[in-house]
C-alpha atoms as a PDB file:
ATOM      1  CA  MET A   1       0.000   0.000   0.000  1.00  0.00           C
ATOM      2  CA  HIS A   2       1.352   3.353  -1.132  1.00  0.00           C
ATOM      3  CA  GLY A   3       1.633   6.684   0.662  1.00  0.00           C
ATOM      4  CA  ILE A   4      -0.428   9.851   0.491  1.00  0.00           C
ATOM      5  CA  THR A   5      -0.706  11.407  -3.019  1.00  0.00           C
ATOM      6  CA  SER A   6       0.991   8.286  -4.436  1.00  0.00           C
ATOM      7  CA  SER A   7      -0.576   5.318  -6.184  1.00  0.00           C
ATOM      8  CA  SER A   8       0.217   1.741  -7.099  1.00  0.00           C
ATOM      9  CA  ARG A   9       2.717   2.987  -9.685  1.00  0.00           C
ATOM     10  CA  THR A  10       5.114   3.897  -6.861  1.00  0.00           C
ATOM     11  CA  TRP A  11       5.891   0.143  -6.699  1.00  0.00           C
ATOM     12  CA  ARG A  12       6.593  -0.272 -10.411  1.00  0.00           C
ATOM     13  CA  ASP A  13      10.339  -0.830  -9.919  1.00  0.00           C
ATOM     14  CA  VAL A  14       9.868  -3.631  -7.376  1.00  0.00           C
ATOM     15  CA  MET A  15       6.758  -5.352  -8.745  1.00  0.00           C
ATOM     16  CA  PRO A  16       8.604  -7.345 -11.448  1.00  0.00           C
ATOM     17  CA  GLY A  17      11.106  -8.725  -8.937  1.00  0.00           C
ATOM     18  CA  LEU A  18       8.452  -9.686  -6.396  1.00  0.00           C
ATOM     19  CA  GLY A  19       6.008 -10.934  -9.016  1.00  0.00           C
ATOM     20  CA  GLY A  20       8.365 -13.713 -10.044  1.00  0.00           C
ATOM     21  CA  SER A  21       7.908 -15.456  -6.698  1.00  0.00           C
ATOM     22  CA  TYR A  22       4.680 -14.110  -5.210  1.00  0.00           C
ATOM     23  CA  GLU A  23       1.188 -13.023  -6.116  1.00  0.00           C
ATOM     24  CA  VAL A  24       1.486  -9.259  -5.673  1.00  0.00           C
ATOM     25  CA  ILE A  25      -1.520  -6.956  -5.355  1.00  0.00           C
ATOM     26  CA  ALA A  26      -0.913  -3.200  -5.287  1.00  0.00           C
ATOM     27  CA  PRO A  27      -4.203  -1.290  -5.093  1.00  0.00           C
ATOM     28  CA  ASP A  28      -4.787   2.414  -5.521  1.00  0.00           C
ATOM     29  CA  LEU A  29      -6.208   3.428  -2.151  1.00  0.00           C
ATOM     30  CA  LEU A  30      -9.517   5.266  -2.152  1.00  0.00           C
ATOM     31  CA  GLY A  31      -8.952   8.854  -3.281  1.00  0.00           C
ATOM     32  CA  HIS A  32      -5.669   8.004  -5.012  1.00  0.00           C
ATOM     33  CA  GLY A  33      -4.576   7.042  -8.500  1.00  0.00           C
ATOM     34  CA  THR A  34      -7.438   5.699 -10.597  1.00  0.00           C
ATOM     35  CA  SER A  35      -9.612   4.724  -7.624  1.00  0.00           C
ATOM     36  CA  ALA A  36     -12.829   6.597  -6.866  1.00  0.00           C
ATOM     37  CA  LYS A  37     -12.578   9.875  -4.977  1.00  0.00           C
ATOM     38  CA  PRO A  38     -15.934  10.260  -3.249  1.00  0.00           C
ATOM     39  CA  ARG A  39     -16.906  12.580  -0.448  1.00  0.00           C
ATOM     40  CA  GLY A  40     -16.556   9.937   2.249  1.00  0.00           C
ATOM     41  CA  ASP A  41     -14.501   8.364   5.028  1.00  0.00           C
ATOM     42  CA  TYR A  42     -10.729   8.610   4.590  1.00  0.00           C
ATOM     43  CA  SER A  43      -9.718   7.420   8.049  1.00  0.00           C
ATOM     44  CA  LEU A  44      -7.156   4.673   8.622  1.00  0.00           C
ATOM     45  CA  GLY A  45      -9.969   2.417   9.820  1.00  0.00           C
ATOM     46  CA  ALA A  46     -11.884   2.918   6.585  1.00  0.00           C
ATOM     47  CA  TYR A  47      -8.763   2.208   4.515  1.00  0.00           C
ATOM     48  CA  ALA A  48      -8.103  -0.967   6.527  1.00  0.00           C
ATOM     49  CA  SER A  49     -11.687  -2.110   6.018  1.00  0.00           C
ATOM     50  CA  GLY A  50     -11.323  -1.428   2.301  1.00  0.00           C
ATOM     51  CA  LEU A  51      -8.257  -3.664   2.192  1.00  0.00           C
ATOM     52  CA  ARG A  52     -10.184  -6.422   3.987  1.00  0.00           C
ATOM     53  CA  ASP A  53     -13.025  -6.047   1.485  1.00  0.00           C
ATOM     54  CA  LEU A  54     -10.573  -6.305  -1.414  1.00  0.00           C
ATOM     55  CA  MET A  55      -9.116  -9.504   0.013  1.00  0.00           C
ATOM     56  CA  VAL A  56     -12.602 -10.976   0.413  1.00  0.00           C
ATOM     57  CA  ALA A  57     -13.505 -10.037  -3.163  1.00  0.00           C
ATOM     58  CA  LEU A  58     -10.315 -11.661  -4.469  1.00  0.00           C
ATOM     59  CA  ASP A  59     -10.739 -14.714  -2.202  1.00  0.00           C
ATOM     60  CA  ILE A  60      -7.450 -14.091  -0.382  1.00  0.00           C
ATOM     61  CA  PRO A  61      -7.754 -15.312   3.230  1.00  0.00           C
ATOM     62  CA  LYS A  62      -4.360 -14.038   4.445  1.00  0.00           C
ATOM     63  CA  ALA A  63      -1.473 -11.952   3.131  1.00  0.00           C
ATOM     64  CA  THR A  64       1.834 -10.326   3.950  1.00  0.00           C
ATOM     65  CA  VAL A  65       0.995  -6.631   4.048  1.00  0.00           C
ATOM     66  CA  VAL A  66       3.533  -4.009   2.940  1.00  0.00           C
ATOM     67  CA  GLY A  67       2.790  -0.357   3.683  1.00  0.00           C
ATOM     68  CA  HIS A  68       4.742   2.773   2.802  1.00  0.00           C
ATOM     69  CA  SER A  69       4.213   6.088   4.643  1.00  0.00           C
ATOM     70  CA  LEU A  70       0.419   6.497   4.928  1.00  0.00           C
ATOM     71  CA  GLY A  71       0.183   2.895   3.733  1.00  0.00           C
ATOM     72  CA  GLY A  72       2.209   1.860   6.777  1.00  0.00           C
ATOM     73  CA  GLY A  73      -0.383   3.444   9.038  1.00  0.00           C
ATOM     74  CA  VAL A  74      -3.091   1.602   7.123  1.00  0.00           C
ATOM     75  CA  ALA A  75      -1.129  -1.651   7.459  1.00  0.00           C
ATOM     76  CA  MET A  76      -0.876  -1.246  11.241  1.00  0.00           C
ATOM     77  CA  GLN A  77      -4.576  -0.438  11.476  1.00  0.00           C
ATOM     78  CA  PHE A  78      -5.299  -3.529   9.378  1.00  0.00           C
ATOM     79  CA  ALA A  79      -3.183  -5.612  11.765  1.00  0.00           C
ATOM     80  CA  TYR A  80      -5.183  -4.196  14.680  1.00  0.00           C
ATOM     81  CA  GLN A  81      -8.623  -4.720  13.120  1.00  0.00           C
ATOM     82  CA  PHE A  82      -8.053  -7.957  11.208  1.00  0.00           C
ATOM     83  CA  PRO A  83      -5.037  -9.779  12.720  1.00  0.00           C
ATOM     84  CA  GLU A  84      -6.399 -13.137  11.588  1.00  0.00           C
ATOM     85  CA  ARG A  85      -5.858 -12.063   7.960  1.00  0.00           C
ATOM     86  CA  LEU A  86      -2.209 -11.114   8.391  1.00  0.00           C
ATOM     87  CA  ASN A  87       0.817 -13.313   7.664  1.00  0.00           C
ATOM     88  CA  ARG A  88       3.533 -10.685   8.128  1.00  0.00           C
ATOM     89  CA  LEU A  89       3.802  -6.922   8.496  1.00  0.00           C
ATOM     90  CA  ILE A  90       6.303  -4.827   6.516  1.00  0.00           C
ATOM     91  CA  LEU A  91       6.462  -1.094   7.303  1.00  0.00           C
ATOM     92  CA  VAL A  92       8.445   1.232   5.027  1.00  0.00           C
ATOM     93  CA  ASP A  93       9.118   4.775   6.323  1.00  0.00           C
ATOM     94  CA  SER A  94       5.754   4.401   7.995  1.00  0.00           C
ATOM     95  CA  GLY A  95       3.450   7.010   9.423  1.00  0.00           C
ATOM     96  CA  GLY A  96       1.761   6.558  12.777  1.00  0.00           C
ATOM     97  CA  LEU A  97       4.895   5.978  14.871  1.00  0.00           C
ATOM     98  CA  GLY A  98       5.568   9.465  16.227  1.00  0.00           C
ATOM     99  CA  GLY A  99       4.472  13.064  16.009  1.00  0.00           C
ATOM    100  CA  GLU A 100       7.050  14.573  13.660  1.00  0.00           C
ATOM    101  CA  VAL A 101       6.188  14.889   9.982  1.00  0.00           C
ATOM    102  CA  ALA A 102       7.199  17.216   7.148  1.00  0.00           C
ATOM    103  CA  LEU A 103       6.067  20.829   7.481  1.00  0.00           C
ATOM    104  CA  ALA A 104       4.350  20.765   4.083  1.00  0.00           C
ATOM    105  CA  LEU A 105       1.972  18.029   5.209  1.00  0.00           C
ATOM    106  CA  ARG A 106       1.195  19.869   8.447  1.00  0.00           C
ATOM    107  CA  ALA A 107       0.528  23.050   6.488  1.00  0.00           C
ATOM    108  CA  ALA A 108      -1.940  21.211   4.263  1.00  0.00           C
ATOM    109  CA  THR A 109      -4.229  20.720   7.268  1.00  0.00           C
ATOM    110  CA  LEU A 110      -4.442  24.426   8.105  1.00  0.00           C
ATOM    111  CA  PRO A 111      -7.733  26.299   7.598  1.00  0.00           C
ATOM    112  CA  GLY A 112      -7.821  27.798   4.128  1.00  0.00           C
ATOM    113  CA  SER A 113      -5.551  25.238   2.521  1.00  0.00           C
ATOM    114  CA  ASP A 114      -8.569  24.213   0.431  1.00  0.00           C
ATOM    115  CA  TYR A 115      -8.173  27.498  -1.435  1.00  0.00           C
ATOM    116  CA  VAL A 116      -4.377  27.500  -1.608  1.00  0.00           C
ATOM    117  CA  LEU A 117      -3.879  24.015  -3.064  1.00  0.00           C
ATOM    118  CA  PRO A 118      -5.480  24.795  -6.448  1.00  0.00           C
ATOM    119  CA  LEU A 119      -2.963  27.634  -6.860  1.00  0.00           C
ATOM    120  CA  LEU A 120       0.010  25.533  -5.743  1.00  0.00           C
ATOM    121  CA  PHE A 121      -0.832  22.619  -8.000  1.00  0.00           C
ATOM    122  CA  SER A 122      -1.966  24.421 -11.116  1.00  0.00           C
ATOM    123  CA  SER A 123      -0.840  23.117 -14.508  1.00  0.00           C
ATOM    124  CA  PRO A 124       2.199  25.438 -14.824  1.00  0.00           C
ATOM    125  CA  VAL A 125       3.545  24.402 -11.413  1.00  0.00           C
ATOM    126  CA  ARG A 126       3.006  20.710 -12.072  1.00  0.00           C
ATOM    127  CA  GLY A 127       4.590  21.111 -15.473  1.00  0.00           C
ATOM    128  CA  ALA A 128       7.643  22.722 -13.894  1.00  0.00           C
ATOM    129  CA  GLY A 129       8.053  19.728 -11.597  1.00  0.00           C
ATOM    130  CA  ALA A 130       7.887  17.272 -14.468  1.00  0.00           C
ATOM    131  CA  LEU A 131      10.224  19.490 -16.499  1.00  0.00           C
ATOM    132  CA  ALA A 132      12.810  19.425 -13.706  1.00  0.00           C
ATOM    133  CA  GLY A 133      12.885  15.632 -13.808  1.00  0.00           C
ATOM    134  CA  GLY A 134      13.127  15.665 -17.602  1.00  0.00           C
ATOM    135  CA  VAL A 135      16.001  18.167 -17.610  1.00  0.00           C
ATOM    136  CA  LEU A 136      17.971  16.032 -15.169  1.00  0.00           C
ATOM    137  CA  GLY A 137      17.481  13.045 -17.444  1.00  0.00           C
ATOM    138  CA  LYS A 138      18.707  14.914 -20.514  1.00  0.00           C
ATOM    139  CA  LEU A 139      21.807  15.969 -18.599  1.00  0.00           C
ATOM    140  CA  GLY A 140      22.538  12.357 -17.815  1.00  0.00           C
ATOM    141  CA  LEU A 141      21.672  12.804 -14.146  1.00  0.00           C
ATOM    142  CA  LYS A 142      19.297  10.542 -12.276  1.00  0.00           C
ATOM    143  CA  ALA A 143      16.654  12.293 -10.196  1.00  0.00           C
ATOM    144  CA  ASN A 144      16.579  10.551  -6.841  1.00  0.00           C
ATOM    145  CA  ALA A 145      13.571   8.580  -5.671  1.00  0.00           C
ATOM    146  CA  ASP A 146      12.302  11.403  -3.471  1.00  0.00           C
ATOM    147  CA  VAL A 147      12.247  13.862  -6.365  1.00  0.00           C
ATOM    148  CA  ARG A 148      10.390  11.382  -8.537  1.00  0.00           C
ATOM    149  CA  GLY A 149       7.930  10.524  -5.780  1.00  0.00           C
ATOM    150  CA  LEU A 150       7.205  14.173  -5.001  1.00  0.00           C
ATOM    151  CA  VAL A 151       6.775  15.114  -8.660  1.00  0.00           C
ATOM    152  CA  GLU A 152       4.292  12.284  -9.119  1.00  0.00           C
ATOM    153  CA  GLY A 153       2.458  13.470  -6.008  1.00  0.00           C
ATOM    154  CA  PHE A 154       2.262  17.014  -7.387  1.00  0.00           C
ATOM    155  CA  GLU A 155       0.875  15.703 -10.661  1.00  0.00           C
ATOM    156  CA  SER A 156      -1.879  13.799  -8.865  1.00  0.00           C
ATOM    157  CA  LEU A 157      -3.169  16.963  -7.181  1.00  0.00           C
ATOM    158  CA  GLY A 158      -4.033  18.687 -10.413  1.00  0.00           C
ATOM    159  CA  ASP A 159      -7.526  17.187 -10.225  1.00  0.00           C
ATOM    160  CA  ALA A 160     -10.066  18.825  -7.885  1.00  0.00           C
ATOM    161  CA  SER A 161     -11.462  15.521  -6.616  1.00  0.00           C
ATOM    162  CA  ALA A 162      -7.927  14.269  -5.875  1.00  0.00           C
ATOM    163  CA  ARG A 163      -7.153  17.450  -3.904  1.00  0.00           C
ATOM    164  CA  ARG A 164     -10.331  17.017  -1.899  1.00  0.00           C
ATOM    165  CA  ALA A 165      -9.462  13.386  -1.137  1.00  0.00           C
ATOM    166  CA  PHE A 166      -5.904  14.414  -0.190  1.00  0.00           C
ATOM    167  CA  LEU A 167      -7.184  16.981   2.303  1.00  0.00           C
ATOM    168  CA  HIS A 168      -9.647  14.510   3.847  1.00  0.00           C
ATOM    169  CA  THR A 169      -6.871  11.934   4.177  1.00  0.00           C
ATOM    170  CA  ALA A 170      -4.267  14.336   5.554  1.00  0.00           C
ATOM    171  CA  ARG A 171      -6.655  15.817   8.116  1.00  0.00           C
ATOM    172  CA  ALA A 172      -7.637  12.338   9.295  1.00  0.00           C
ATOM    173  CA  VAL A 173      -4.097  11.650  10.507  1.00  0.00           C
ATOM    174  CA  ILE A 174      -2.306  15.017  10.754  1.00  0.00           C
ATOM    175  CA  ASP A 175      -2.948  18.445  12.246  1.00  0.00           C
ATOM    176  CA  PRO A 176      -0.757  21.584  12.278  1.00  0.00           C
ATOM    177  CA  ALA A 177       1.203  20.174  15.230  1.00  0.00           C
ATOM    178  CA  GLY A 178       2.098  16.938  13.453  1.00  0.00           C
ATOM    179  CA  GLN A 179       0.837  13.361  13.244  1.00  0.00           C
ATOM    180  CA  ARG A 180      -2.091  12.894  15.582  1.00  0.00           C
ATOM    181  CA  VAL A 181      -2.667   9.176  15.042  1.00  0.00           C
ATOM    182  CA  ASP A 182      -0.135   7.155  17.017  1.00  0.00           C
ATOM    183  CA  ALA A 183       0.040   3.346  16.995  1.00  0.00           C
ATOM    184  CA  ARG A 184       2.851   3.072  19.540  1.00  0.00           C
ATOM    185  CA  ASP A 185       0.495   2.256  22.411  1.00  0.00           C
ATOM    186  CA  ARG A 186      -0.664  -0.859  20.524  1.00  0.00           C
ATOM    187  CA  LEU A 187       2.611  -2.126  19.075  1.00  0.00           C
ATOM    188  CA  TYR A 188       2.822  -4.823  21.733  1.00  0.00           C
ATOM    189  CA  LEU A 189      -0.141  -6.528  20.028  1.00  0.00           C
ATOM    190  CA  ALA A 190       2.084  -7.180  16.999  1.00  0.00           C
ATOM    191  CA  SER A 191       4.647  -9.151  18.992  1.00  0.00           C
ATOM    192  CA  SER A 192       3.338 -12.424  17.528  1.00  0.00           C
ATOM    193  CA  ILE A 193       3.408 -11.100  13.945  1.00  0.00           C
ATOM    194  CA  PRO A 194       6.703 -11.255  12.005  1.00  0.00           C
ATOM    195  CA  THR A 195       7.502  -7.591  11.378  1.00  0.00           C
ATOM    196  CA  LEU A 196      10.084  -5.897   9.164  1.00  0.00           C
ATOM    197  CA  LEU A 197      10.756  -2.163   9.363  1.00  0.00           C
ATOM    198  CA  VAL A 198      12.593  -0.482   6.463  1.00  0.00           C
ATOM    199  CA  TRP A 199      13.727   3.146   6.504  1.00  0.00           C
ATOM    200  CA  GLY A 200      15.770   5.565   4.444  1.00  0.00           C
ATOM    201  CA  SER A 201      18.525   7.140   6.532  1.00  0.00           C
ATOM    202  CA  ARG A 202      17.844  10.573   4.995  1.00  0.00           C
ATOM    203  CA  ASP A 203      14.067  10.572   5.162  1.00  0.00           C
ATOM    204  CA  ARG A 204      12.941  14.212   5.443  1.00  0.00           C
ATOM    205  CA  ILE A 205       9.237  13.345   5.567  1.00  0.00           C
ATOM    206  CA  ILE A 206       9.140  10.931   8.525  1.00  0.00           C
ATOM    207  CA  PRO A 207      12.291  10.720  10.716  1.00  0.00           C
ATOM    208  CA  LEU A 208      14.452   7.606  10.931  1.00  0.00           C
ATOM    209  CA  ALA A 209      14.064   7.830  14.726  1.00  0.00           C
ATOM    210  CA  HIS A 210      10.444   6.706  14.365  1.00  0.00           C
ATOM    211  CA  GLY A 211      11.584   3.426  12.849  1.00  0.00           C
ATOM    212  CA  ARG A 212      14.221   2.863  15.507  1.00  0.00           C
ATOM    213  CA  GLY A 213      11.716   3.561  18.255  1.00  0.00           C
ATOM    214  CA  ALA A 214       9.152   1.172  16.815  1.00  0.00           C
ATOM    215  CA  HIS A 215      11.791  -1.540  16.437  1.00  0.00           C
ATOM    216  CA  GLU A 216      12.637  -1.212  20.131  1.00  0.00           C
ATOM    217  CA  GLN A 217       8.971  -1.525  21.069  1.00  0.00           C
ATOM    218  CA  MET A 218       8.381  -4.592  18.889  1.00  0.00           C
ATOM    219  CA  PRO A 219      10.371  -7.544  20.279  1.00  0.00           C
ATOM    220  CA  GLY A 220      11.538  -9.822  17.491  1.00  0.00           C
ATOM    221  CA  SER A 221      11.077  -7.238  14.740  1.00  0.00           C
ATOM    222  CA  ARG A 222      13.735  -6.708  12.075  1.00  0.00           C
ATOM    223  CA  PHE A 223      15.015  -3.228  11.224  1.00  0.00           C
ATOM    224  CA  GLU A 224      16.824  -2.359   7.996  1.00  0.00           C
ATOM    225  CA  VAL A 225      18.223   1.069   7.075  1.00  0.00           C
ATOM    226  CA  PHE A 226      18.959   2.086   3.491  1.00  0.00           C
ATOM    227  CA  GLU A 227      21.910   4.438   3.897  1.00  0.00           C
ATOM    228  CA  GLY A 228      21.646   7.575   1.803  1.00  0.00           C
ATOM    229  CA  ALA A 229      18.053   6.884   0.796  1.00  0.00           C
ATOM    230  CA  GLY A 230      15.158   9.212   1.516  1.00  0.00           C
ATOM    231  CA  HIS A 231      11.437   8.583   1.929  1.00  0.00           C
ATOM    232  CA  PHE A 232      11.249   6.097  -0.964  1.00  0.00           C
ATOM    233  CA  PRO A 233      14.052   3.587  -0.197  1.00  0.00           C
ATOM    234  CA  PHE A 234      12.461   0.871  -2.335  1.00  0.00           C
ATOM    235  CA  ASN A 235      12.928   3.096  -5.373  1.00  0.00           C
ATOM    236  CA  ASP A 236      16.461   4.107  -4.420  1.00  0.00           C
ATOM    237  CA  ASP A 237      17.550   0.464  -4.477  1.00  0.00           C
ATOM    238  CA  PRO A 238      14.771  -1.786  -5.855  1.00  0.00           C
ATOM    239  CA  GLU A 239      16.976  -4.883  -6.112  1.00  0.00           C
ATOM    240  CA  ARG A 240      18.005  -4.695  -2.458  1.00  0.00           C
ATOM    241  CA  PHE A 241      14.407  -4.095  -1.406  1.00  0.00           C
ATOM    242  CA  VAL A 242      13.156  -7.127  -3.338  1.00  0.00           C
ATOM    243  CA  ALA A 243      15.939  -9.317  -1.934  1.00  0.00           C
ATOM    244  CA  LEU A 244      15.202  -8.073   1.578  1.00  0.00           C
ATOM    245  CA  LEU A 245      11.501  -8.862   1.354  1.00  0.00           C
ATOM    246  CA  ASP A 246      12.203 -12.244  -0.222  1.00  0.00           C
ATOM    247  CA  ASP A 247      14.614 -13.155   2.577  1.00  0.00           C
ATOM    248  CA  PHE A 248      12.233 -11.950   5.276  1.00  0.00           C
ATOM    249  CA  ILE A 249       9.287 -13.896   3.877  1.00  0.00           C
ATOM    250  CA  SER A 250      11.285 -17.075   3.321  1.00  0.00           C
ATOM    251  CA  THR A 251      12.842 -17.074   6.805  1.00  0.00           C
ATOM    252  CA  THR A 252       9.730 -16.315   8.868  1.00  0.00           C
ATOM    253  CA  THR A 253       6.625 -18.315   9.693  1.00  0.00           C
ATOM    254  CA  PRO A 254       3.243 -16.747   8.923  1.00  0.00           C
ATOM    255  CA  ALA A 255       1.468 -15.428  11.988  1.00  0.00           C
ATOM    256  CA  HIS A 256      -1.522 -17.174  13.497  1.00  0.00           C
ATOM    257  CA  VAL A 257      -3.448 -14.695  15.605  1.00  0.00           C
ATOM    258  CA  ASP A 258      -6.911 -15.282  17.042  1.00  0.00           C
ATOM    259  CA  ASP A 259      -8.966 -13.654  19.799  1.00  0.00           C
ATOM    260  CA  ALA A 260      -7.401 -15.872  22.452  1.00  0.00           C
ATOM    261  CA  ALA A 261      -3.888 -14.817  21.438  1.00  0.00           C
ATOM    262  CA  VAL A 262      -4.830 -11.130  21.457  1.00  0.00           C
ATOM    263  CA  ARG A 263      -6.451 -11.536  24.881  1.00  0.00           C
ATOM    264  CA  ARG A 264      -3.273 -13.103  26.293  1.00  0.00           C
ATOM    265  CA  LEU A 265      -1.179 -10.217  24.968  1.00  0.00           C
ATOM    266  CA  MET A 266      -3.567  -7.659  26.445  1.00  0.00           C
ATOM    267  CA  ASP A 267      -3.604  -9.407  29.836  1.00  0.00           C
ATOM    268  CA  GLN A 268       0.182  -9.644  29.877  1.00  0.00           C
ATOM    269  CA  HIS A 269       0.544  -5.975  28.917  1.00  0.00           C
ATOM    270  CA  ASN A 270      -1.898  -4.879  31.627  1.00  0.00           C
ATOM    271  CA  ASN A 271      -0.113  -6.999  34.234  1.00  0.00           C
ATOM    272  CA  ASP A 272       3.283  -5.586  33.262  1.00  0.00           C
ATOM    273  CA  ALA A 273       1.874  -2.068  33.456  1.00  0.00           C
END
């Protein structure tokens, strides 16, 4: 699952490598890409329920769930709401693990941003972003994954319905002070789920410290840092990312979580507290 303003195409460099060994499903979340953009519920809970509905429709009882940025928050919410459908959890530069987040995303939740966004993401501005990437290519320089990811995000906001969906989504998880949805108080419930955390060392959207902190709170989790990468480490080094996921999946046993297991974890946590 992709991040905010992104779509399934953010995974295009890793899909071929993963698709050779696994059935890979990369949806456009509601309000993103080619999915519908209704006036509706854009909360993490609604996104998680949408993922469950997709799995039911495709007759997929369980899956390893990979979430990037906003998609990481959705993945954790999915693990909380539907743990019986989860084999493994893979969080990539995930939201929902601390308050800090890029200023631009906080600013988007301010009153009046509804009127500013159409000016910021008009055709000339979006064209300038795409032009910057094209100029770098003609000069023989490779725009890094963050530049590409941000340009694609800018392009997606040229449509009024996409901007409206973006604002609904952003305001569901962020306010001017930062991220307001925090999964850290429930991370102990994932202790029986094989979990991999992946982060770019130079992420300027969501700090590396969030990944380190989550790793410390999730006994048995695995933490991998892509040195020099930003918010899109899987696009900085797709081959390493594919190899990492393949190794993680092949060396871990799918989780089996039912109500009794969750109850034991809750009782243990309450006793320790």
